[in-house]
Amino acid sequence: MAKKRVYRRFAAHAGLSLVIAIAFYGANVLLLPPAAKFTSTEALFVEGIAFLLMGLLLMIGRGGMNLSTVSAAILSASAEAVCGTEGVGPAEEMRIDSWKSKGFITAGLVLIMTGLFMLAMYFLTL
């Protein structure tokens, strides 16, 4: 049962990424004139590299945590340092948020898959 849910989510993310890649390719074909410096496939290559880098930066930056969780972790660590009492520490705050695959992690994965699809479309149309 759990494997089916993982496969469904992966298929949904891959499908969304493929739709985004096809939409960008269609926009490149429509918007770039044939006599431009970049052809539509060369623009797709540059966009694929950019999407890969943006996805990696979203995955690496802040570990996928949103700003409110980072603020709460910093506030709880500073309160523990000032007061000296045990409370909900930053480790608990980060553990709660890091197991949720929402927000930045999901967007990063979709961007990485979109970049991979764009690069695959570029190499298939050479």
PDB file of N, CA and C in Angstrom:
ATOM      1  N   MET A   1       0.825  -1.200   0.000  1.00  0.00           N
ATOM      2  CA  MET A   1       0.000   0.000   0.000  1.00  0.00           C
ATOM      3  C   MET A   1       0.863   1.257   0.000  1.00  0.00           C
ATOM      4  N   ALA A   2       1.948   1.259   0.783  1.00  0.00           N
ATOM      5  CA  ALA A   2       2.809   2.435   0.845  1.00  0.00           C
ATOM      6  C   ALA A   2       3.573   2.619  -0.459  1.00  0.00           C
ATOM      7  N   LYS A   3       3.935   1.504  -1.114  1.00  0.00           N
ATOM      8  CA  LYS A   3       4.653   1.615  -2.382  1.00  0.00           C
ATOM      9  C   LYS A   3       3.779   2.242  -3.456  1.00  0.00           C
ATOM     10  N   LYS A   4       2.496   1.898  -3.452  1.00  0.00           N
ATOM     11  CA  LYS A   4       1.587   2.481  -4.444  1.00  0.00           C
ATOM     12  C   LYS A   4       1.500   3.989  -4.279  1.00  0.00           C
ATOM     13  N   ARG A   5       1.467   4.453  -3.031  1.00  0.00           N
ATOM     14  CA  ARG A   5       1.375   5.889  -2.778  1.00  0.00           C
ATOM     15  C   ARG A   5       2.651   6.590  -3.249  1.00  0.00           C
ATOM     16  N   VAL A   6       3.804   5.975  -3.012  1.00  0.00           N
ATOM     17  CA  VAL A   6       5.067   6.561  -3.467  1.00  0.00           C
ATOM     18  C   VAL A   6       5.113   6.603  -4.984  1.00  0.00           C
ATOM     19  N   TYR A   7       4.695   5.518  -5.620  1.00  0.00           N
ATOM     20  CA  TYR A   7       4.690   5.483  -7.081  1.00  0.00           C
ATOM     21  C   TYR A   7       3.718   6.503  -7.658  1.00  0.00           C
ATOM     22  N   ARG A   8       2.566   6.672  -7.024  1.00  0.00           N
ATOM     23  CA  ARG A   8       1.595   7.661  -7.506  1.00  0.00           C
ATOM     24  C   ARG A   8       2.145   9.074  -7.392  1.00  0.00           C
ATOM     25  N   ARG A   9       2.792   9.382  -6.258  1.00  0.00           N
ATOM     26  CA  ARG A   9       3.358  10.719  -6.084  1.00  0.00           C
ATOM     27  C   ARG A   9       4.486  10.961  -7.085  1.00  0.00           C
ATOM     28  N   PHE A  10       5.332   9.949  -7.279  1.00  0.00           N
ATOM     29  CA  PHE A  10       6.408  10.104  -8.248  1.00  0.00           C
ATOM     30  C   PHE A  10       5.850  10.294  -9.653  1.00  0.00           C
ATOM     31  N   ALA A  11       4.819   9.527  -9.990  1.00  0.00           N
ATOM     32  CA  ALA A  11       4.200   9.667 -11.307  1.00  0.00           C
ATOM     33  C   ALA A  11       3.544  11.043 -11.456  1.00  0.00           C
ATOM     34  N   ALA A  12       2.940  11.542 -10.389  1.00  0.00           N
ATOM     35  CA  ALA A  12       2.324  12.873 -10.450  1.00  0.00           C
ATOM     36  C   ALA A  12       3.385  13.951 -10.639  1.00  0.00           C
ATOM     37  N   HIS A  13       4.479  13.861  -9.894  1.00  0.00           N
ATOM     38  CA  HIS A  13       5.551  14.844 -10.040  1.00  0.00           C
ATOM     39  C   HIS A  13       6.201  14.746 -11.414  1.00  0.00           C
ATOM     40  N   ALA A  14       6.415  13.527 -11.899  1.00  0.00           N
ATOM     41  CA  ALA A  14       7.012  13.349 -13.225  1.00  0.00           C
ATOM     42  C   ALA A  14       6.071  13.853 -14.314  1.00  0.00           C
ATOM     43  N   GLY A  15       4.789  13.602 -14.170  1.00  0.00           N
ATOM     44  CA  GLY A  15       3.814  14.101 -15.143  1.00  0.00           C
ATOM     45  C   GLY A  15       3.755  15.613 -15.167  1.00  0.00           C
ATOM     46  N   LEU A  16       3.762  16.224 -13.985  1.00  0.00           N
ATOM     47  CA  LEU A  16       3.764  17.682 -13.907  1.00  0.00           C
ATOM     48  C   LEU A  16       5.034  18.243 -14.531  1.00  0.00           C
ATOM     49  N   SER A  17       6.159  17.615 -14.266  1.00  0.00           N
ATOM     50  CA  SER A  17       7.424  18.069 -14.838  1.00  0.00           C
ATOM     51  C   SER A  17       7.422  17.941 -16.359  1.00  0.00           C
ATOM     52  N   LEU A  18       6.870  16.860 -16.862  1.00  0.00           N
ATOM     53  CA  LEU A  18       6.802  16.667 -18.308  1.00  0.00           C
ATOM     54  C   LEU A  18       5.888  17.701 -18.959  1.00  0.00           C
ATOM     55  N   VAL A  19       4.775  18.014 -18.335  1.00  0.00           N
ATOM     56  CA  VAL A  19       3.865  19.036 -18.859  1.00  0.00           C
ATOM     57  C   VAL A  19       4.553  20.400 -18.882  1.00  0.00           C
ATOM     58  N   ILE A  20       5.302  20.732 -17.826  1.00  0.00           N
ATOM     59  CA  ILE A  20       6.021  22.011 -17.789  1.00  0.00           C
ATOM     60  C   ILE A  20       7.078  22.055 -18.882  1.00  0.00           C
ATOM     61  N   ALA A  21       7.817  20.956 -19.062  1.00  0.00           N
ATOM     62  CA  ALA A  21       8.857  20.923 -20.100  1.00  0.00           C
ATOM     63  C   ALA A  21       8.257  21.075 -21.490  1.00  0.00           C
ATOM     64  N   ILE A  22       7.148  20.398 -21.745  1.00  0.00           N
ATOM     65  CA  ILE A  22       6.497  20.510 -23.051  1.00  0.00           C
ATOM     66  C   ILE A  22       5.946  21.920 -23.266  1.00  0.00           C
ATOM     67  N   ALA A  23       5.408  22.528 -22.209  1.00  0.00           N
ATOM     68  CA  ALA A  23       4.893  23.898 -22.324  1.00  0.00           C
ATOM     69  C   ALA A  23       6.014  24.879 -22.637  1.00  0.00           C
ATOM     70  N   PHE A  24       7.170  24.708 -21.993  1.00  0.00           N
ATOM     71  CA  PHE A  24       8.294  25.591 -22.287  1.00  0.00           C
ATOM     72  C   PHE A  24       8.816  25.367 -23.705  1.00  0.00           C
ATOM     73  N   TYR A  25       8.837  24.133 -24.160  1.00  0.00           N
ATOM     74  CA  TYR A  25       9.268  23.864 -25.526  1.00  0.00           C
ATOM     75  C   TYR A  25       8.301  24.493 -26.534  1.00  0.00           C
ATOM     76  N   GLY A  26       7.013  24.365 -26.263  1.00  0.00           N
ATOM     77  CA  GLY A  26       6.019  24.995 -27.135  1.00  0.00           C
ATOM     78  C   GLY A  26       6.144  26.503 -27.138  1.00  0.00           C
ATOM     79  N   ALA A  27       6.407  27.091 -25.964  1.00  0.00           N
ATOM     80  CA  ALA A  27       6.600  28.541 -25.892  1.00  0.00           C
ATOM     81  C   ALA A  27       7.852  28.957 -26.651  1.00  0.00           C
ATOM     82  N   ASN A  28       8.901  28.137 -26.573  1.00  0.00           N
ATOM     83  CA  ASN A  28      10.118  28.447 -27.329  1.00  0.00           C
ATOM     84  C   ASN A  28       9.862  28.408 -28.827  1.00  0.00           C
ATOM     85  N   VAL A  29       9.114  27.413 -29.282  1.00  0.00           N
ATOM     86  CA  VAL A  29       8.821  27.294 -30.717  1.00  0.00           C
ATOM     87  C   VAL A  29       7.980  28.479 -31.182  1.00  0.00           C
ATOM     88  N   LEU A  30       7.010  28.887 -30.371  1.00  0.00           N
ATOM     89  CA  LEU A  30       6.128  29.987 -30.775  1.00  0.00           C
ATOM     90  C   LEU A  30       6.794  31.350 -30.674  1.00  0.00           C
ATOM     91  N   LEU A  31       7.608  31.566 -29.641  1.00  0.00           N
ATOM     92  CA  LEU A  31       8.131  32.901 -29.387  1.00  0.00           C
ATOM     93  C   LEU A  31       9.461  33.192 -30.068  1.00  0.00           C
ATOM     94  N   LEU A  32      10.273  32.182 -30.313  1.00  0.00           N
ATOM     95  CA  LEU A  32      11.565  32.430 -30.940  1.00  0.00           C
ATOM     96  C   LEU A  32      11.438  32.353 -32.456  1.00  0.00           C
ATOM     97  N   PRO A  33      11.838  33.400 -33.144  1.00  0.00           N
ATOM     98  CA  PRO A  33      11.772  33.350 -34.608  1.00  0.00           C
ATOM     99  C   PRO A  33      12.836  32.394 -35.152  1.00  0.00           C
ATOM    100  N   PRO A  34      12.625  31.875 -36.344  1.00  0.00           N
ATOM    101  CA  PRO A  34      13.592  30.922 -36.906  1.00  0.00           C
ATOM    102  C   PRO A  34      14.978  31.512 -37.140  1.00  0.00           C
ATOM    103  N   ALA A  35      15.082  32.821 -37.335  1.00  0.00           N
ATOM    104  CA  ALA A  35      16.371  33.453 -37.606  1.00  0.00           C
ATOM    105  C   ALA A  35      17.034  33.998 -36.344  1.00  0.00           C
ATOM    106  N   ALA A  36      16.604  33.551 -35.166  1.00  0.00           N
ATOM    107  CA  ALA A  36      17.169  34.046 -33.915  1.00  0.00           C
ATOM    108  C   ALA A  36      18.539  33.424 -33.671  1.00  0.00           C
ATOM    109  N   LYS A  37      19.288  34.023 -32.725  1.00  0.00           N
ATOM    110  CA  LYS A  37      20.604  33.469 -32.387  1.00  0.00           C
ATOM    111  C   LYS A  37      20.468  32.086 -31.765  1.00  0.00           C
ATOM    112  N   PHE A  38      19.451  31.926 -30.933  1.00  0.00           N
ATOM    113  CA  PHE A  38      19.160  30.638 -30.310  1.00  0.00           C
ATOM    114  C   PHE A  38      18.009  29.983 -31.049  1.00  0.00           C
ATOM    115  N   THR A  39      18.157  28.735 -31.374  1.00  0.00           N
ATOM    116  CA  THR A  39      17.000  27.991 -31.869  1.00  0.00           C
ATOM    117  C   THR A  39      16.177  27.559 -30.668  1.00  0.00           C
ATOM    118  N   SER A  40      15.012  27.008 -30.927  1.00  0.00           N
ATOM    119  CA  SER A  40      14.151  26.602 -29.819  1.00  0.00           C
ATOM    120  C   SER A  40      14.766  25.457 -29.020  1.00  0.00           C
ATOM    121  N   THR A  41      15.519  24.588 -29.669  1.00  0.00           N
ATOM    122  CA  THR A  41      16.133  23.481 -28.928  1.00  0.00           C
ATOM    123  C   THR A  41      17.330  23.962 -28.115  1.00  0.00           C
ATOM    124  N   GLU A  42      18.084  24.936 -28.630  1.00  0.00           N
ATOM    125  CA  GLU A  42      19.191  25.476 -27.849  1.00  0.00           C
ATOM    126  C   GLU A  42      18.680  26.230 -26.624  1.00  0.00           C
ATOM    127  N   ALA A  43      17.582  26.948 -26.777  1.00  0.00           N
ATOM    128  CA  ALA A  43      16.967  27.627 -25.635  1.00  0.00           C
ATOM    129  C   ALA A  43      16.465  26.600 -24.619  1.00  0.00           C
ATOM    130  N   LEU A  44      15.984  25.474 -25.107  1.00  0.00           N
ATOM    131  CA  LEU A  44      15.532  24.413 -24.205  1.00  0.00           C
ATOM    132  C   LEU A  44      16.697  23.860 -23.389  1.00  0.00           C
ATOM    133  N   PHE A  45      17.881  23.764 -23.997  1.00  0.00           N
ATOM    134  CA  PHE A  45      19.063  23.306 -23.282  1.00  0.00           C
ATOM    135  C   PHE A  45      19.430  24.275 -22.163  1.00  0.00           C
ATOM    136  N   VAL A  46      19.440  25.565 -22.472  1.00  0.00           N
ATOM    137  CA  VAL A  46      19.773  26.577 -21.467  1.00  0.00           C
ATOM    138  C   VAL A  46      18.736  26.579 -20.353  1.00  0.00           C
ATOM    139  N   GLU A  47      17.468  26.466 -20.704  1.00  0.00           N
ATOM    140  CA  GLU A  47      16.410  26.425 -19.691  1.00  0.00           C
ATOM    141  C   GLU A  47      16.511  25.167 -18.844  1.00  0.00           C
ATOM    142  N   GLY A  48      16.879  24.040 -19.445  1.00  0.00           N
ATOM    143  CA  GLY A  48      17.036  22.806 -18.691  1.00  0.00           C
ATOM    144  C   GLY A  48      18.139  22.909 -17.656  1.00  0.00           C
ATOM    145  N   ILE A  49      19.267  23.503 -18.040  1.00  0.00           N
ATOM    146  CA  ILE A  49      20.361  23.714 -17.089  1.00  0.00           C
ATOM    147  C   ILE A  49      19.915  24.669 -15.977  1.00  0.00           C
ATOM    148  N   ALA A  50      19.194  25.723 -16.335  1.00  0.00           N
ATOM    149  CA  ALA A  50      18.715  26.686 -15.339  1.00  0.00           C
ATOM    150  C   ALA A  50      17.729  26.024 -14.373  1.00  0.00           C
ATOM    151  N   PHE A  51      16.837  25.193 -14.879  1.00  0.00           N
ATOM    152  CA  PHE A  51      15.879  24.511 -14.013  1.00  0.00           C
ATOM    153  C   PHE A  51      16.589  23.540 -13.072  1.00  0.00           C
ATOM    154  N   LEU A  52      17.601  22.840 -13.579  1.00  0.00           N
ATOM    155  CA  LEU A  52      18.374  21.946 -12.714  1.00  0.00           C
ATOM    156  C   LEU A  52      19.052  22.716 -11.586  1.00  0.00           C
ATOM    157  N   LEU A  53      19.671  23.830 -11.926  1.00  0.00           N
ATOM    158  CA  LEU A  53      20.355  24.620 -10.906  1.00  0.00           C
ATOM    159  C   LEU A  53      19.375  25.212  -9.893  1.00  0.00           C
ATOM    160  N   MET A  54      18.228  25.713 -10.367  1.00  0.00           N
ATOM    161  CA  MET A  54      17.231  26.257  -9.433  1.00  0.00           C
ATOM    162  C   MET A  54      16.694  25.183  -8.509  1.00  0.00           C
ATOM    163  N   GLY A  55      16.450  23.983  -9.051  1.00  0.00           N
ATOM    164  CA  GLY A  55      15.970  22.888  -8.216  1.00  0.00           C
ATOM    165  C   GLY A  55      16.991  22.469  -7.179  1.00  0.00           C
ATOM    166  N   LEU A  56      18.262  22.397  -7.584  1.00  0.00           N
ATOM    167  CA  LEU A  56      19.312  22.045  -6.626  1.00  0.00           C
ATOM    168  C   LEU A  56      19.456  23.103  -5.547  1.00  0.00           C
ATOM    169  N   LEU A  57      19.349  24.374  -5.929  1.00  0.00           N
ATOM    170  CA  LEU A  57      19.439  25.431  -4.928  1.00  0.00           C
ATOM    171  C   LEU A  57      18.266  25.391  -3.956  1.00  0.00           C
ATOM    172  N   LEU A  58      17.082  25.063  -4.446  1.00  0.00           N
ATOM    173  CA  LEU A  58      15.938  24.935  -3.536  1.00  0.00           C
ATOM    174  C   LEU A  58      16.098  23.744  -2.608  1.00  0.00           C
ATOM    175  N   MET A  59      16.694  22.661  -3.117  1.00  0.00           N
ATOM    176  CA  MET A  59      16.880  21.484  -2.278  1.00  0.00           C
ATOM    177  C   MET A  59      17.962  21.722  -1.223  1.00  0.00           C
ATOM    178  N   ILE A  60      19.019  22.418  -1.602  1.00  0.00           N
ATOM    179  CA  ILE A  60      20.140  22.625  -0.678  1.00  0.00           C
ATOM    180  C   ILE A  60      19.838  23.731   0.327  1.00  0.00           C
ATOM    181  N   GLY A  61      19.269  24.818  -0.133  1.00  0.00           N
ATOM    182  CA  GLY A  61      19.037  25.965   0.731  1.00  0.00           C
ATOM    183  C   GLY A  61      18.015  25.681   1.816  1.00  0.00           C
ATOM    184  N   ARG A  62      18.390  25.907   3.029  1.00  0.00           N
ATOM    185  CA  ARG A  62      17.553  25.745   4.230  1.00  0.00           C
ATOM    186  C   ARG A  62      17.093  24.313   4.441  1.00  0.00           C
ATOM    187  N   GLY A  63      17.572  23.374   3.715  1.00  0.00           N
ATOM    188  CA  GLY A  63      17.202  21.980   3.932  1.00  0.00           C
ATOM    189  C   GLY A  63      15.733  21.709   3.687  1.00  0.00           C
ATOM    190  N   GLY A  64      15.069  22.530   2.924  1.00  0.00           N
ATOM    191  CA  GLY A  64      13.662  22.320   2.645  1.00  0.00           C
ATOM    192  C   GLY A  64      12.742  22.875   3.705  1.00  0.00           C
ATOM    193  N   MET A  65      13.288  23.591   4.675  1.00  0.00           N
ATOM    194  CA  MET A  65      12.444  24.149   5.733  1.00  0.00           C
ATOM    195  C   MET A  65      11.971  25.534   5.340  1.00  0.00           C
ATOM    196  N   ASN A  66      10.760  25.847   5.745  1.00  0.00           N
ATOM    197  CA  ASN A  66      10.262  27.180   5.444  1.00  0.00           C
ATOM    198  C   ASN A  66      10.814  28.183   6.456  1.00  0.00           C
ATOM    199  N   LEU A  67      10.638  29.471   6.184  1.00  0.00           N
ATOM    200  CA  LEU A  67      11.247  30.504   7.018  1.00  0.00           C
ATOM    201  C   LEU A  67      10.704  30.532   8.437  1.00  0.00           C
ATOM    202  N   SER A  68       9.421  30.223   8.608  1.00  0.00           N
ATOM    203  CA  SER A  68       8.867  30.253   9.964  1.00  0.00           C
ATOM    204  C   SER A  68       9.471  29.167  10.842  1.00  0.00           C
ATOM    205  N   THR A  69       9.782  28.003  10.269  1.00  0.00           N
ATOM    206  CA  THR A  69      10.398  26.934  11.047  1.00  0.00           C
ATOM    207  C   THR A  69      11.832  27.300  11.413  1.00  0.00           C
ATOM    208  N   VAL A  70      12.550  27.917  10.486  1.00  0.00           N
ATOM    209  CA  VAL A  70      13.909  28.357  10.797  1.00  0.00           C
ATOM    210  C   VAL A  70      13.866  29.407  11.894  1.00  0.00           C
ATOM    211  N   SER A  71      12.928  30.337  11.812  1.00  0.00           N
ATOM    212  CA  SER A  71      12.793  31.368  12.850  1.00  0.00           C
ATOM    213  C   SER A  71      12.453  30.749  14.197  1.00  0.00           C
ATOM    214  N   ALA A  72      11.544  29.766  14.209  1.00  0.00           N
ATOM    215  CA  ALA A  72      11.175  29.112  15.461  1.00  0.00           C
ATOM    216  C   ALA A  72      12.347  28.328  16.044  1.00  0.00           C
ATOM    217  N   ALA A  73      13.129  27.701  15.194  1.00  0.00           N
ATOM    218  CA  ALA A  73      14.287  26.951  15.685  1.00  0.00           C
ATOM    219  C   ALA A  73      15.326  27.886  16.284  1.00  0.00           C
ATOM    220  N   ILE A  74      15.556  29.030  15.630  1.00  0.00           N
ATOM    221  CA  ILE A  74      16.528  29.996  16.151  1.00  0.00           C
ATOM    222  C   ILE A  74      16.017  30.607  17.448  1.00  0.00           C
ATOM    223  N   LEU A  75      14.735  30.926  17.510  1.00  0.00           N
ATOM    224  CA  LEU A  75      14.151  31.502  18.715  1.00  0.00           C
ATOM    225  C   LEU A  75      14.198  30.523  19.874  1.00  0.00           C
ATOM    226  N   SER A  76      13.884  29.258  19.642  1.00  0.00           N
ATOM    227  CA  SER A  76      13.911  28.277  20.729  1.00  0.00           C
ATOM    228  C   SER A  76      15.336  28.009  21.192  1.00  0.00           C
ATOM    229  N   ALA A  77      16.302  28.034  20.280  1.00  0.00           N
ATOM    230  CA  ALA A  77      17.695  27.842  20.688  1.00  0.00           C
ATOM    231  C   ALA A  77      18.192  29.025  21.505  1.00  0.00           C
ATOM    232  N   SER A  78      17.804  30.242  21.098  1.00  0.00           N
ATOM    233  CA  SER A  78      18.240  31.408  21.870  1.00  0.00           C
ATOM    234  C   SER A  78      17.533  31.477  23.216  1.00  0.00           C
ATOM    235  N   ALA A  79      16.254  31.065  23.293  1.00  0.00           N
ATOM    236  CA  ALA A  79      15.544  31.038  24.571  1.00  0.00           C
ATOM    237  C   ALA A  79      16.156  30.009  25.509  1.00  0.00           C
ATOM    238  N   GLU A  80      16.580  28.877  24.973  1.00  0.00           N
ATOM    239  CA  GLU A  80      17.216  27.852  25.800  1.00  0.00           C
ATOM    240  C   GLU A  80      18.574  28.337  26.291  1.00  0.00           C
ATOM    241  N   ALA A  81      19.291  29.087  25.457  1.00  0.00           N
ATOM    242  CA  ALA A  81      20.597  29.603  25.874  1.00  0.00           C
ATOM    243  C   ALA A  81      20.456  30.685  26.929  1.00  0.00           C
ATOM    244  N   VAL A  82      19.431  31.529  26.821  1.00  0.00           N
ATOM    245  CA  VAL A  82      19.254  32.621  27.773  1.00  0.00           C
ATOM    246  C   VAL A  82      18.653  32.116  29.077  1.00  0.00           C
ATOM    247  N   CYS A  83      17.595  31.314  29.014  1.00  0.00           N
ATOM    248  CA  CYS A  83      16.884  30.869  30.213  1.00  0.00           C
ATOM    249  C   CYS A  83      17.523  29.642  30.852  1.00  0.00           C
ATOM    250  N   GLY A  84      18.136  28.808  30.066  1.00  0.00           N
ATOM    251  CA  GLY A  84      18.744  27.596  30.597  1.00  0.00           C
ATOM    252  C   GLY A  84      17.746  26.486  30.887  1.00  0.00           C
ATOM    253  N   THR A  85      16.503  26.634  30.450  1.00  0.00           N
ATOM    254  CA  THR A  85      15.503  25.597  30.685  1.00  0.00           C
ATOM    255  C   THR A  85      15.321  24.768  29.425  1.00  0.00           C
ATOM    256  N   GLU A  86      14.915  23.534  29.624  1.00  0.00           N
ATOM    257  CA  GLU A  86      14.648  22.650  28.495  1.00  0.00           C
ATOM    258  C   GLU A  86      13.264  22.950  27.940  1.00  0.00           C
ATOM    259  N   GLY A  87      13.192  23.156  26.692  1.00  0.00           N
ATOM    260  CA  GLY A  87      11.921  23.377  26.017  1.00  0.00           C
ATOM    261  C   GLY A  87      11.942  22.630  24.702  1.00  0.00           C
ATOM    262  N   VAL A  88      11.094  23.065  23.825  1.00  0.00           N
ATOM    263  CA  VAL A  88      11.124  22.493  22.486  1.00  0.00           C
ATOM    264  C   VAL A  88      12.321  23.099  21.792  1.00  0.00           C
ATOM    265  N   GLY A  89      13.316  22.300  21.561  1.00  0.00           N
ATOM    266  CA  GLY A  89      14.564  22.785  20.997  1.00  0.00           C
ATOM    267  C   GLY A  89      14.542  22.817  19.489  1.00  0.00           C
ATOM    268  N   PRO A  90      15.609  23.315  18.906  1.00  0.00           N
ATOM    269  CA  PRO A  90      15.671  23.393  17.440  1.00  0.00           C
ATOM    270  C   PRO A  90      15.701  22.019  16.784  1.00  0.00           C
ATOM    271  N   ALA A  91      16.234  21.017  17.485  1.00  0.00           N
ATOM    272  CA  ALA A  91      16.269  19.674  16.894  1.00  0.00           C
ATOM    273  C   ALA A  91      14.849  19.149  16.697  1.00  0.00           C
ATOM    274  N   GLU A  92      13.963  19.387  17.673  1.00  0.00           N
ATOM    275  CA  GLU A  92      12.578  18.939  17.539  1.00  0.00           C
ATOM    276  C   GLU A  92      11.860  19.717  16.449  1.00  0.00           C
ATOM    277  N   GLU A  93      12.098  21.022  16.375  1.00  0.00           N
ATOM    278  CA  GLU A  93      11.461  21.840  15.345  1.00  0.00           C
ATOM    279  C   GLU A  93      11.887  21.380  13.955  1.00  0.00           C
ATOM    280  N   MET A  94      13.187  21.135  13.787  1.00  0.00           N
ATOM    281  CA  MET A  94      13.672  20.731  12.473  1.00  0.00           C
ATOM    282  C   MET A  94      13.220  19.324  12.119  1.00  0.00           C
ATOM    283  N   ARG A  95      13.135  18.442  13.112  1.00  0.00           N
ATOM    284  CA  ARG A  95      12.694  17.078  12.837  1.00  0.00           C
ATOM    285  C   ARG A  95      11.232  17.061  12.406  1.00  0.00           C
ATOM    286  N   ILE A  96      10.412  17.906  13.013  1.00  0.00           N
ATOM    287  CA  ILE A  96       8.995  17.955  12.663  1.00  0.00           C
ATOM    288  C   ILE A  96       8.820  18.412  11.218  1.00  0.00           C
ATOM    289  N   ASP A  97       9.556  19.460  10.818  1.00  0.00           N
ATOM    290  CA  ASP A  97       9.368  20.034   9.492  1.00  0.00           C
ATOM    291  C   ASP A  97      10.119  19.266   8.413  1.00  0.00           C
ATOM    292  N   SER A  98      11.243  18.654   8.744  1.00  0.00           N
ATOM    293  CA  SER A  98      12.049  18.041   7.693  1.00  0.00           C
ATOM    294  C   SER A  98      11.445  16.746   7.167  1.00  0.00           C
ATOM    295  N   TRP A  99      10.546  16.125   7.900  1.00  0.00           N
ATOM    296  CA  TRP A  99       9.945  14.886   7.401  1.00  0.00           C
ATOM    297  C   TRP A  99       8.764  15.134   6.492  1.00  0.00           C
ATOM    298  N   LYS A 100       8.319  16.363   6.404  1.00  0.00           N
ATOM    299  CA  LYS A 100       7.219  16.678   5.493  1.00  0.00           C
ATOM    300  C   LYS A 100       7.809  17.024   4.135  1.00  0.00           C
ATOM    301  N   SER A 101       7.396  16.317   3.115  1.00  0.00           N
ATOM    302  CA  SER A 101       7.938  16.605   1.784  1.00  0.00           C
ATOM    303  C   SER A 101       7.038  17.599   1.065  1.00  0.00           C
ATOM    304  N   LYS A 102       6.928  18.774   1.612  1.00  0.00           N
ATOM    305  CA  LYS A 102       6.106  19.815   1.020  1.00  0.00           C
ATOM    306  C   LYS A 102       6.971  21.031   0.763  1.00  0.00           C
ATOM    307  N   GLY A 103       6.442  21.968   0.088  1.00  0.00           N
ATOM    308  CA  GLY A 103       7.110  23.252  -0.078  1.00  0.00           C
ATOM    309  C   GLY A 103       8.337  23.203  -0.954  1.00  0.00           C
ATOM    310  N   PHE A 104       9.450  23.591  -0.362  1.00  0.00           N
ATOM    311  CA  PHE A 104      10.676  23.749  -1.121  1.00  0.00           C
ATOM    312  C   PHE A 104      11.193  22.426  -1.683  1.00  0.00           C
ATOM    313  N   ILE A 105      11.059  21.349  -0.928  1.00  0.00           N
ATOM    314  CA  ILE A 105      11.549  20.054  -1.401  1.00  0.00           C
ATOM    315  C   ILE A 105      10.763  19.607  -2.629  1.00  0.00           C
ATOM    316  N   THR A 106       9.446  19.698  -2.570  1.00  0.00           N
ATOM    317  CA  THR A 106       8.619  19.293  -3.705  1.00  0.00           C
ATOM    318  C   THR A 106       8.887  20.169  -4.924  1.00  0.00           C
ATOM    319  N   ALA A 107       8.985  21.480  -4.708  1.00  0.00           N
ATOM    320  CA  ALA A 107       9.278  22.376  -5.825  1.00  0.00           C
ATOM    321  C   ALA A 107      10.659  22.085  -6.405  1.00  0.00           C
ATOM    322  N   GLY A 108      11.624  21.801  -5.545  1.00  0.00           N
ATOM    323  CA  GLY A 108      12.961  21.459  -6.025  1.00  0.00           C
ATOM    324  C   GLY A 108      12.972  20.180  -6.837  1.00  0.00           C
ATOM    325  N   LEU A 109      12.242  19.174  -6.376  1.00  0.00           N
ATOM    326  CA  LEU A 109      12.174  17.919  -7.127  1.00  0.00           C
ATOM    327  C   LEU A 109      11.504  18.106  -8.482  1.00  0.00           C
ATOM    328  N   VAL A 110      10.439  18.887  -8.510  1.00  0.00           N
ATOM    329  CA  VAL A 110       9.746  19.135  -9.778  1.00  0.00           C
ATOM    330  C   VAL A 110      10.654  19.907 -10.730  1.00  0.00           C
ATOM    331  N   LEU A 111      11.392  20.892 -10.225  1.00  0.00           N
ATOM    332  CA  LEU A 111      12.295  21.651 -11.082  1.00  0.00           C
ATOM    333  C   LEU A 111      13.429  20.781 -11.605  1.00  0.00           C
ATOM    334  N   ILE A 112      13.964  19.903 -10.758  1.00  0.00           N
ATOM    335  CA  ILE A 112      15.035  19.014 -11.201  1.00  0.00           C
ATOM    336  C   ILE A 112      14.524  18.059 -12.273  1.00  0.00           C
ATOM    337  N   MET A 113      13.363  17.466 -12.053  1.00  0.00           N
ATOM    338  CA  MET A 113      12.816  16.561 -13.069  1.00  0.00           C
ATOM    339  C   MET A 113      12.481  17.300 -14.356  1.00  0.00           C
ATOM    340  N   THR A 114      11.978  18.539 -14.235  1.00  0.00           N
ATOM    341  CA  THR A 114      11.692  19.330 -15.433  1.00  0.00           C
ATOM    342  C   THR A 114      12.974  19.608 -16.206  1.00  0.00           C
ATOM    343  N   GLY A 115      14.045  19.961 -15.487  1.00  0.00           N
ATOM    344  CA  GLY A 115      15.326  20.186 -16.146  1.00  0.00           C
ATOM    345  C   GLY A 115      15.850  18.937 -16.825  1.00  0.00           C
ATOM    346  N   LEU A 116      15.675  17.785 -16.186  1.00  0.00           N
ATOM    347  CA  LEU A 116      16.108  16.533 -16.810  1.00  0.00           C
ATOM    348  C   LEU A 116      15.294  16.219 -18.059  1.00  0.00           C
ATOM    349  N   PHE A 117      13.984  16.453 -18.002  1.00  0.00           N
ATOM    350  CA  PHE A 117      13.147  16.235 -19.187  1.00  0.00           C
ATOM    351  C   PHE A 117      13.528  17.193 -20.317  1.00  0.00           C
ATOM    352  N   MET A 118      13.835  18.452 -19.961  1.00  0.00           N
ATOM    353  CA  MET A 118      14.233  19.413 -20.986  1.00  0.00           C
ATOM    354  C   MET A 118      15.541  18.996 -21.648  1.00  0.00           C
ATOM    355  N   LEU A 119      16.496  18.547 -20.841  1.00  0.00           N
ATOM    356  CA  LEU A 119      17.765  18.108 -21.410  1.00  0.00           C
ATOM    357  C   LEU A 119      17.572  16.854 -22.269  1.00  0.00           C
ATOM    358  N   ALA A 120      16.700  15.951 -21.837  1.00  0.00           N
ATOM    359  CA  ALA A 120      16.416  14.752 -22.645  1.00  0.00           C
ATOM    360  C   ALA A 120      15.759  15.145 -23.965  1.00  0.00           C
ATOM    361  N   MET A 121      14.830  16.112 -23.927  1.00  0.00           N
ATOM    362  CA  MET A 121      14.206  16.566 -25.167  1.00  0.00           C
ATOM    363  C   MET A 121      15.223  17.243 -26.078  1.00  0.00           C
ATOM    364  N   TYR A 122      16.173  17.969 -25.489  1.00  0.00           N
ATOM    365  CA  TYR A 122      17.209  18.613 -26.295  1.00  0.00           C
ATOM    366  C   TYR A 122      18.069  17.560 -27.002  1.00  0.00           C
ATOM    367  N   PHE A 123      18.522  16.557 -26.257  1.00  0.00           N
ATOM    368  CA  PHE A 123      19.391  15.556 -26.862  1.00  0.00           C
ATOM    369  C   PHE A 123      18.643  14.642 -27.831  1.00  0.00           C
ATOM    370  N   LEU A 124      17.340  14.497 -27.660  1.00  0.00           N
ATOM    371  CA  LEU A 124      16.571  13.699 -28.602  1.00  0.00           C
ATOM    372  C   LEU A 124      16.282  14.449 -29.898  1.00  0.00           C
ATOM    373  N   THR A 125      16.300  15.786 -29.858  1.00  0.00           N
ATOM    374  CA  THR A 125      15.993  16.557 -31.067  1.00  0.00           C
ATOM    375  C   THR A 125      17.234  17.056 -31.777  1.00  0.00           C
ATOM    376  N   LEU A 126      18.411  16.612 -31.403  1.00  0.00           N
ATOM    377  CA  LEU A 126      19.645  17.050 -32.088  1.00  0.00           C
ATOM    378  C   LEU A 126      19.681  16.555 -33.507  1.00  0.00           C
TER     379      LEU A 126
END
